[in-house]
C-alpha atoms as a PDB file:
ATOM      1  CA  MET A   1      -0.210  -0.063  -0.060  1.00  0.00           C
ATOM      2  CA  VAL A   2       1.428   3.111  -0.579  1.00  0.00           C
ATOM      3  CA  LYS A   3       2.034   5.920   2.158  1.00  0.00           C
ATOM      4  CA  SER A   4       1.816   9.324   1.623  1.00  0.00           C
ATOM      5  CA  GLY A   5       4.163  11.716   3.641  1.00  0.00           C
ATOM      6  CA  LYS A   6       4.372  15.577   3.911  1.00  0.00           C
ATOM      7  CA  SER A   7       8.002  16.177   4.233  1.00  0.00           C
ATOM      8  CA  LEU A   8      10.799  14.810   1.680  1.00  0.00           C
ATOM      9  CA  ARG A   9      13.856  13.955   3.732  1.00  0.00           C
ATOM     10  CA  LYS A  10      17.203  16.186   2.133  1.00  0.00           C
ATOM     11  CA  VAL A  11      19.731  13.821   0.161  1.00  0.00           C
ATOM     12  CA  GLY A  12      21.830  16.160  -1.273  1.00  0.00           C
ATOM     13  CA  PRO A  13      21.466  17.648  -4.717  1.00  0.00           C
ATOM     14  CA  LEU A  14      18.887  15.299  -5.117  1.00  0.00           C
ATOM     15  CA  ALA A  15      16.135  17.150  -3.031  1.00  0.00           C
ATOM     16  CA  THR A  16      16.350  20.354  -5.663  1.00  0.00           C
ATOM     17  CA  SER A  17      16.480  17.905  -8.975  1.00  0.00           C
ATOM     18  CA  PRO A  18      13.972  18.198 -10.782  1.00  0.00           C
ATOM     19  CA  SER A  19      14.415  15.148 -13.030  1.00  0.00           C
ATOM     20  CA  HIS A  20      15.023  12.843  -9.780  1.00  0.00           C
ATOM     21  CA  LEU A  21      11.907  14.055  -7.947  1.00  0.00           C
ATOM     22  CA  MET A  22       9.428  14.311 -10.751  1.00  0.00           C
ATOM     23  CA  HIS A  23      11.200   9.784 -11.328  1.00  0.00           C
ATOM     24  CA  ARG A  24       9.730   9.948  -8.121  1.00  0.00           C
ATOM     25  CA  ALA A  25       6.876  11.038  -8.277  1.00  0.00           C
ATOM     26  CA  LEU A  26       5.957   9.149 -11.526  1.00  0.00           C
ATOM     27  CA  GLN A  27       6.988   5.645  -9.556  1.00  0.00           C
ATOM     28  CA  LEU A  28       4.587   6.695  -6.967  1.00  0.00           C
ATOM     29  CA  ALA A  29       1.560   7.687  -9.520  1.00  0.00           C
ATOM     30  CA  LEU A  30       2.470   4.316 -11.180  1.00  0.00           C
ATOM     31  CA  ASP A  31       1.716   2.288  -7.859  1.00  0.00           C
ATOM     32  CA  ILE A  32      -1.374   4.145  -7.272  1.00  0.00           C
ATOM     33  CA  TYR A  33      -2.488   3.146 -10.670  1.00  0.00           C
ATOM     34  CA  SER A  34      -1.233  -0.545 -10.323  1.00  0.00           C
ATOM     35  CA  GLU A  35      -2.724  -0.438  -6.664  1.00  0.00           C
ATOM     36  CA  GLU A  36      -6.479   0.379  -8.722  1.00  0.00           C
ATOM     37  CA  MET A  37      -5.693  -1.703 -11.609  1.00  0.00           C
ATOM     38  CA  GLY A  38      -5.177  -4.818 -10.127  1.00  0.00           C
ATOM     39  CA  ALA A  39      -2.928  -7.497 -11.295  1.00  0.00           C
ATOM     40  CA  ASP A  40      -4.886  -8.404 -14.466  1.00  0.00           C
ATOM     41  CA  GLY A  41      -5.734  -5.097 -15.648  1.00  0.00           C
ATOM     42  CA  LEU A  42      -4.818  -2.247 -18.423  1.00  0.00           C
ATOM     43  CA  THR A  43      -1.299  -0.702 -18.039  1.00  0.00           C
ATOM     44  CA  GLN A  44      -1.115   2.774 -18.595  1.00  0.00           C
ATOM     45  CA  ARG A  45       0.668   2.515 -21.593  1.00  0.00           C
ATOM     46  CA  GLN A  46      -2.426   0.148 -22.713  1.00  0.00           C
ATOM     47  CA  PHE A  47      -5.342   2.696 -21.385  1.00  0.00           C
ATOM     48  CA  ALA A  48      -3.011   5.462 -22.423  1.00  0.00           C
ATOM     49  CA  VAL A  49      -3.627   4.179 -26.632  1.00  0.00           C
ATOM     50  CA  LEU A  50      -7.001   2.548 -25.809  1.00  0.00           C
ATOM     51  CA  GLU A  51      -7.997   6.193 -24.922  1.00  0.00           C
ATOM     52  CA  ALA A  52      -6.700   6.968 -28.081  1.00  0.00           C
ATOM     53  CA  ALA A  53      -8.156   5.243 -30.133  1.00  0.00           C
ATOM     54  CA  SER A  54     -11.490   5.859 -28.745  1.00  0.00           C
ATOM     55  CA  LEU A  55     -11.395   9.577 -30.116  1.00  0.00           C
ATOM     56  CA  LYS A  56     -11.102   8.592 -33.699  1.00  0.00           C
ATOM     57  CA  ALA A  57     -11.423   5.516 -35.782  1.00  0.00           C
ATOM     58  CA  GLY A  58      -8.380   4.389 -37.810  1.00  0.00           C
ATOM     59  CA  LEU A  59      -5.678   6.164 -36.335  1.00  0.00           C
ATOM     60  CA  THR A  60      -2.571   5.766 -38.094  1.00  0.00           C
ATOM     61  CA  GLN A  61       0.229   4.951 -35.994  1.00  0.00           C
ATOM     62  CA  THR A  62       2.272   8.404 -36.478  1.00  0.00           C
ATOM     63  CA  GLU A  63      -1.515  10.013 -34.960  1.00  0.00           C
ATOM     64  CA  LEU A  64      -0.664   7.179 -31.745  1.00  0.00           C
ATOM     65  CA  VAL A  65       2.849   8.538 -31.245  1.00  0.00           C
ATOM     66  CA  ARG A  66       1.013  12.095 -31.394  1.00  0.00           C
ATOM     67  CA  MET A  67      -1.356  11.833 -28.817  1.00  0.00           C
ATOM     68  CA  THR A  68      -0.051   9.401 -26.103  1.00  0.00           C
ATOM     69  CA  GLY A  69       3.270  10.597 -25.628  1.00  0.00           C
ATOM     70  CA  ILE A  70       4.481   6.925 -26.405  1.00  0.00           C
ATOM     71  CA  ASP A  71       7.946   6.958 -28.476  1.00  0.00           C
ATOM     72  CA  ARG A  72       7.085   5.164 -32.192  1.00  0.00           C
ATOM     73  CA  SER A  73       9.492   2.034 -31.684  1.00  0.00           C
ATOM     74  CA  THR A  74       7.624   1.340 -28.493  1.00  0.00           C
ATOM     75  CA  LEU A  75       4.029   2.308 -29.993  1.00  0.00           C
ATOM     76  CA  ALA A  76       4.681  -0.232 -32.850  1.00  0.00           C
ATOM     77  CA  ASP A  77       5.061  -3.312 -30.013  1.00  0.00           C
ATOM     78  CA  LEU A  78       2.548  -2.075 -28.007  1.00  0.00           C
ATOM     79  CA  VAL A  79       0.150  -2.330 -30.573  1.00  0.00           C
ATOM     80  CA  THR A  80       1.073  -5.705 -31.659  1.00  0.00           C
ATOM     81  CA  ARG A  81       0.472  -7.049 -28.683  1.00  0.00           C
ATOM     82  CA  MET A  82      -2.797  -5.008 -27.621  1.00  0.00           C
ATOM     83  CA  THR A  83      -3.995  -6.117 -31.406  1.00  0.00           C
ATOM     84  CA  ALA A  84      -2.996 -10.293 -30.732  1.00  0.00           C
ATOM     85  CA  LYS A  85      -4.725  -9.755 -27.062  1.00  0.00           C
ATOM     86  CA  GLY A  86      -8.236  -8.699 -29.686  1.00  0.00           C
ATOM     87  CA  LEU A  87      -7.761  -5.165 -27.958  1.00  0.00           C
ATOM     88  CA  LEU A  88      -7.248  -3.433 -31.048  1.00  0.00           C
ATOM     89  CA  GLU A  89      -7.572  -4.104 -34.838  1.00  0.00           C
ATOM     90  CA  ARG A  90      -5.672  -3.082 -37.616  1.00  0.00           C
ATOM     91  CA  GLU A  91      -6.820  -1.953 -41.319  1.00  0.00           C
ATOM     92  CA  ARG A  92      -5.178  -0.456 -43.703  1.00  0.00           C
ATOM     93  CA  SER A  93      -5.126   3.119 -43.371  1.00  0.00           C
ATOM     94  CA  THR A  94      -7.912   4.822 -46.556  1.00  0.00           C
ATOM     95  CA  LEU A  95      -5.613   7.930 -46.057  1.00  0.00           C
ATOM     96  CA  ASP A  96      -2.625   6.340 -47.034  1.00  0.00           C
ATOM     97  CA  ALA A  97      -2.065   3.176 -48.180  1.00  0.00           C
ATOM     98  CA  ARG A  98       1.266   2.487 -46.476  1.00  0.00           C
ATOM     99  CA  ALA A  99       0.589   2.815 -43.179  1.00  0.00           C
ATOM    100  CA  LYS A 100      -1.658   0.419 -41.041  1.00  0.00           C
ATOM    101  CA  ALA A 101      -4.686   2.393 -38.521  1.00  0.00           C
ATOM    102  CA  VAL A 102      -6.581   0.665 -36.098  1.00  0.00           C
ATOM    103  CA  ARG A 103      -9.496   0.935 -34.222  1.00  0.00           C
ATOM    104  CA  LEU A 104     -10.956  -0.708 -30.607  1.00  0.00           C
ATOM    105  CA  SER A 105     -12.450  -4.114 -31.133  1.00  0.00           C
ATOM    106  CA  THR A 106     -15.541  -4.944 -28.745  1.00  0.00           C
ATOM    107  CA  GLU A 107     -13.185  -6.307 -26.343  1.00  0.00           C
ATOM    108  CA  GLY A 108     -11.034  -3.528 -25.975  1.00  0.00           C
ATOM    109  CA  ALA A 109     -14.204  -0.652 -25.808  1.00  0.00           C
ATOM    110  CA  ALA A 110     -15.391  -2.937 -22.905  1.00  0.00           C
ATOM    111  CA  ARG A 111     -12.143  -3.233 -20.987  1.00  0.00           C
ATOM    112  CA  LEU A 112     -11.957   0.665 -21.270  1.00  0.00           C
ATOM    113  CA  GLU A 113     -14.853   1.102 -20.142  1.00  0.00           C
ATOM    114  CA  ALA A 114     -14.207  -1.088 -16.936  1.00  0.00           C
ATOM    115  CA  ALA A 115     -11.117   0.482 -16.572  1.00  0.00           C
ATOM    116  CA  ARG A 116     -12.154   4.449 -16.422  1.00  0.00           C
ATOM    117  CA  PRO A 117     -13.906   4.016 -13.253  1.00  0.00           C
ATOM    118  CA  LEU A 118     -10.819   3.045 -11.938  1.00  0.00           C
ATOM    119  CA  VAL A 119      -8.141   5.361 -13.254  1.00  0.00           C
ATOM    120  CA  GLU A 120     -10.226   8.165 -12.196  1.00  0.00           C
ATOM    121  CA  ALA A 121     -10.243   6.743  -8.190  1.00  0.00           C
ATOM    122  CA  ALA A 122      -6.749   6.489  -9.153  1.00  0.00           C
ATOM    123  CA  ASP A 123      -5.723  10.427 -10.390  1.00  0.00           C
ATOM    124  CA  LYS A 124      -8.427  11.240  -7.612  1.00  0.00           C
ATOM    125  CA  ARG A 125      -5.943   9.592  -4.849  1.00  0.00           C
ATOM    126  CA  ILE A 126      -2.883  10.965  -5.993  1.00  0.00           C
ATOM    127  CA  MET A 127      -4.574  14.477  -6.367  1.00  0.00           C
ATOM    128  CA  ALA A 128      -5.625  13.937  -2.747  1.00  0.00           C
ATOM    129  CA  LEU A 129      -1.852  14.194  -1.594  1.00  0.00           C
ATOM    130  CA  LEU A 130      -1.341  17.772  -2.614  1.00  0.00           C
ATOM    131  CA  PRO A 131      -3.481  20.834  -0.812  1.00  0.00           C
ATOM    132  CA  LYS A 132      -6.446  21.641  -2.370  1.00  0.00           C
ATOM    133  CA  GLY A 133      -5.048  24.708  -3.108  1.00  0.00           C
ATOM    134  CA  GLN A 134      -2.444  24.106  -5.172  1.00  0.00           C
ATOM    135  CA  ARG A 135      -4.164  20.922  -7.176  1.00  0.00           C
ATOM    136  CA  GLU A 136      -4.779  23.299 -10.427  1.00  0.00           C
ATOM    137  CA  THR A 137      -2.050  24.735 -10.443  1.00  0.00           C
ATOM    138  CA  PHE A 138      -0.044  21.665 -10.447  1.00  0.00           C
ATOM    139  CA  LEU A 139      -2.337  20.391 -13.106  1.00  0.00           C
ATOM    140  CA  ALA A 140      -1.527  23.430 -15.194  1.00  0.00           C
ATOM    141  CA  GLN A 141       1.641  23.059 -14.537  1.00  0.00           C
ATOM    142  CA  LEU A 142       2.227  19.012 -15.783  1.00  0.00           C
ATOM    143  CA  ALA A 143      -0.081  19.975 -18.923  1.00  0.00           C
ATOM    144  CA  GLU A 144       3.229  22.747 -19.493  1.00  0.00           C
ATOM    145  CA  LEU A 145       5.695  20.560 -19.572  1.00  0.00           C
ATOM    146  CA  ALA A 146       3.594  17.694 -21.739  1.00  0.00           C
ATOM    147  CA  ALA A 147       3.219  20.306 -24.303  1.00  0.00           C
ATOM    148  CA  ALA A 148       6.374  20.835 -24.224  1.00  0.00           C
ATOM    149  CA  ALA A 149       7.541  17.620 -24.578  1.00  0.00           C
ATOM    150  CA  ASP A 150       5.436  17.103 -27.644  1.00  0.00           C
ATOM    151  CA  ALA A 151       6.598  20.029 -28.747  1.00  0.00           C
ATOM    152  CA  ALA A 152      10.292  18.842 -28.805  1.00  0.00           C
ATOM    153  CA  PRO A 153      11.165  16.269 -32.152  1.00  0.00           C
ATOM    154  CA  ASP A 154       9.316  19.261 -34.227  1.00  0.00           C
ATOM    155  CA  ALA A 155      11.827  22.124 -32.151  1.00  0.00           C
ATOM    156  CA  ALA A 156      14.698  19.418 -32.692  1.00  0.00           C
ATOM    157  CA  LYS A 157      13.839  18.655 -36.341  1.00  0.00           C
ATOM    158  CA  ALA A 158      14.299  23.422 -36.261  1.00  0.00           C
ATOM    159  CA  GLU A 159      17.489  22.856 -34.768  1.00  0.00           C
ATOM    160  CA  ALA A 160      19.153  20.567 -36.206  1.00  0.00           C
ATOM    161  CA  LYS A 161      18.022  21.646 -39.987  1.00  0.00           C
ATOM    162  CA  ALA A 162      19.058  25.745 -38.688  1.00  0.00           C
ATOM    163  CA  ALA A 163      22.532  23.631 -37.680  1.00  0.00           C
ATOM    164  CA  LYS A 164      22.927  21.541 -40.580  1.00  0.00           C
ATOM    165  CA  LYS A 165      22.699  25.271 -42.700  1.00  0.00           C
ATOM    166  CA  ALA A 166      25.249  27.461 -40.831  1.00  0.00           C
ATOM    167  CA  LEU A 167      27.488  24.182 -41.348  1.00  0.00           C
ATOM    168  CA  LYS A 168      27.642  24.944 -45.031  1.00  0.00           C
ATOM    169  CA  MET A 169      27.559  28.395 -44.646  1.00  0.00           C
ATOM    170  CA  ALA A 170      30.288  28.009 -42.108  1.00  0.00           C
ATOM    171  CA  GLU A 171      32.045  25.781 -45.183  1.00  0.00           C
ATOM    172  CA  LYS A 172      31.271  28.443 -47.862  1.00  0.00           C
ATOM    173  CA  GLU A 173      33.275  30.775 -46.353  1.00  0.00           C
ATOM    174  CA  ALA A 174      36.031  28.519 -44.903  1.00  0.00           C
ATOM    175  CA  LYS A 175      36.313  27.972 -48.857  1.00  0.00           C
ATOM    176  CA  LYS A 176      36.424  31.301 -49.968  1.00  0.00           C
ATOM    177  CA  ALA A 177      38.982  32.087 -47.028  1.00  0.00           C
ATOM    178  CA  GLU A 178      40.973  29.440 -48.459  1.00  0.00           C
ATOM    179  CA  LYS A 179      41.359  30.143 -51.678  1.00  0.00           C
ATOM    180  CA  ALA A 180      41.680  34.333 -50.870  1.00  0.00           C
ATOM    181  CA  ALA A 181      44.496  33.091 -48.535  1.00  0.00           C
ATOM    182  CA  LYS A 182      46.349  30.960 -51.557  1.00  0.00           C
ATOM    183  CA  LYS A 183      45.432  34.035 -53.309  1.00  0.00           C
ATOM    184  CA  ALA A 184      47.361  36.469 -51.359  1.00  0.00           C
ATOM    185  CA  VAL A 185      50.543  33.793 -50.662  1.00  0.00           C
ATOM    186  CA  ARG A 186      51.162  33.406 -54.954  1.00  0.00           C
ATOM    187  CA  PRO A 187      54.627  34.730 -55.450  1.00  0.00           C
ATOM    188  CA  ALA A 188      54.839  37.639 -57.969  1.00  0.00           C
ATOM    189  CA  LYS A 189      56.491  36.431 -61.251  1.00  0.00           C
ATOM    190  CA  ALA A 190      59.753  37.652 -61.267  1.00  0.00           C
ATOM    191  CA  SER A 191      60.700  40.311 -63.659  1.00  0.00           C
ATOM    192  CA  LYS A 192      62.820  38.982 -67.123  1.00  0.00           C
ATOM    193  CA  LEU A 193      66.650  40.694 -66.369  1.00  0.00           C
ATOM    194  CA  LYS A 194      68.952  41.467 -69.165  1.00  0.00           C
ATOM    195  CA  LYS A 195      72.230  39.553 -69.088  1.00  0.00           C
ATOM    196  CA  PRO A 196      75.145  41.921 -69.204  1.00  0.00           C
ATOM    197  CA  LYS A 197      76.932  42.051 -72.270  1.00  0.00           C
ATOM    198  CA  LEU A 198      80.645  41.307 -71.519  1.00  0.00           C
ATOM    199  CA  LYS A 199      83.778  43.143 -72.975  1.00  0.00           C
ATOM    200  CA  VAL A 200      86.478  41.370 -74.935  1.00  0.00           C
ATOM    201  CA  VAL A 201      89.326  43.340 -73.387  1.00  0.00           C
ATOM    202  CA  GLU A 202      92.518  42.861 -75.489  1.00  0.00           C
ATOM    203  CA  VAL A 203      95.937  41.885 -73.891  1.00  0.00           C
ATOM    204  CA  ALA A 204      98.369  43.159 -75.879  1.00  0.00           C
END
């Protein structure tokens, strides 16, 4: 059983490390989720995929990645296993013949419906650990972090593109500078000197 604590023991820099504290908070949230869901219940990621699939039929893998935040390789494996369990159904995408789309199966819809009140109970337990006056702010901050995570791939692509462009410009400037330097040190053509005429002196 998860027990909440109102104080955090100071453990050097870990007590002020956002990444460490978020990891601890995530562990707590997942423990509470598992307790409410039970050993045979949906995992948090499975629930997220089913919820996303319930919002729109025929979601592509790219859309699922964007909606759930699960990385592409993990999601592909997850969808394969959930399809094998009968929670999802795969079909050819109507928008892209090369892509496969997924939709909720009858079993998946039933499992999702049964899981929703359990997830809601877990969320209430997590929020109850915070003072009422801080809960709304806490959710808003989590939403901001989630939005930053969603924007990160596009930002990384834009940054990589800018870096590539800057590198090309730098290489171009370096070639120009090298060309100019070679031109500056090129020796000037020596002027032609007339050979002095030798006078023949006759010795008596």
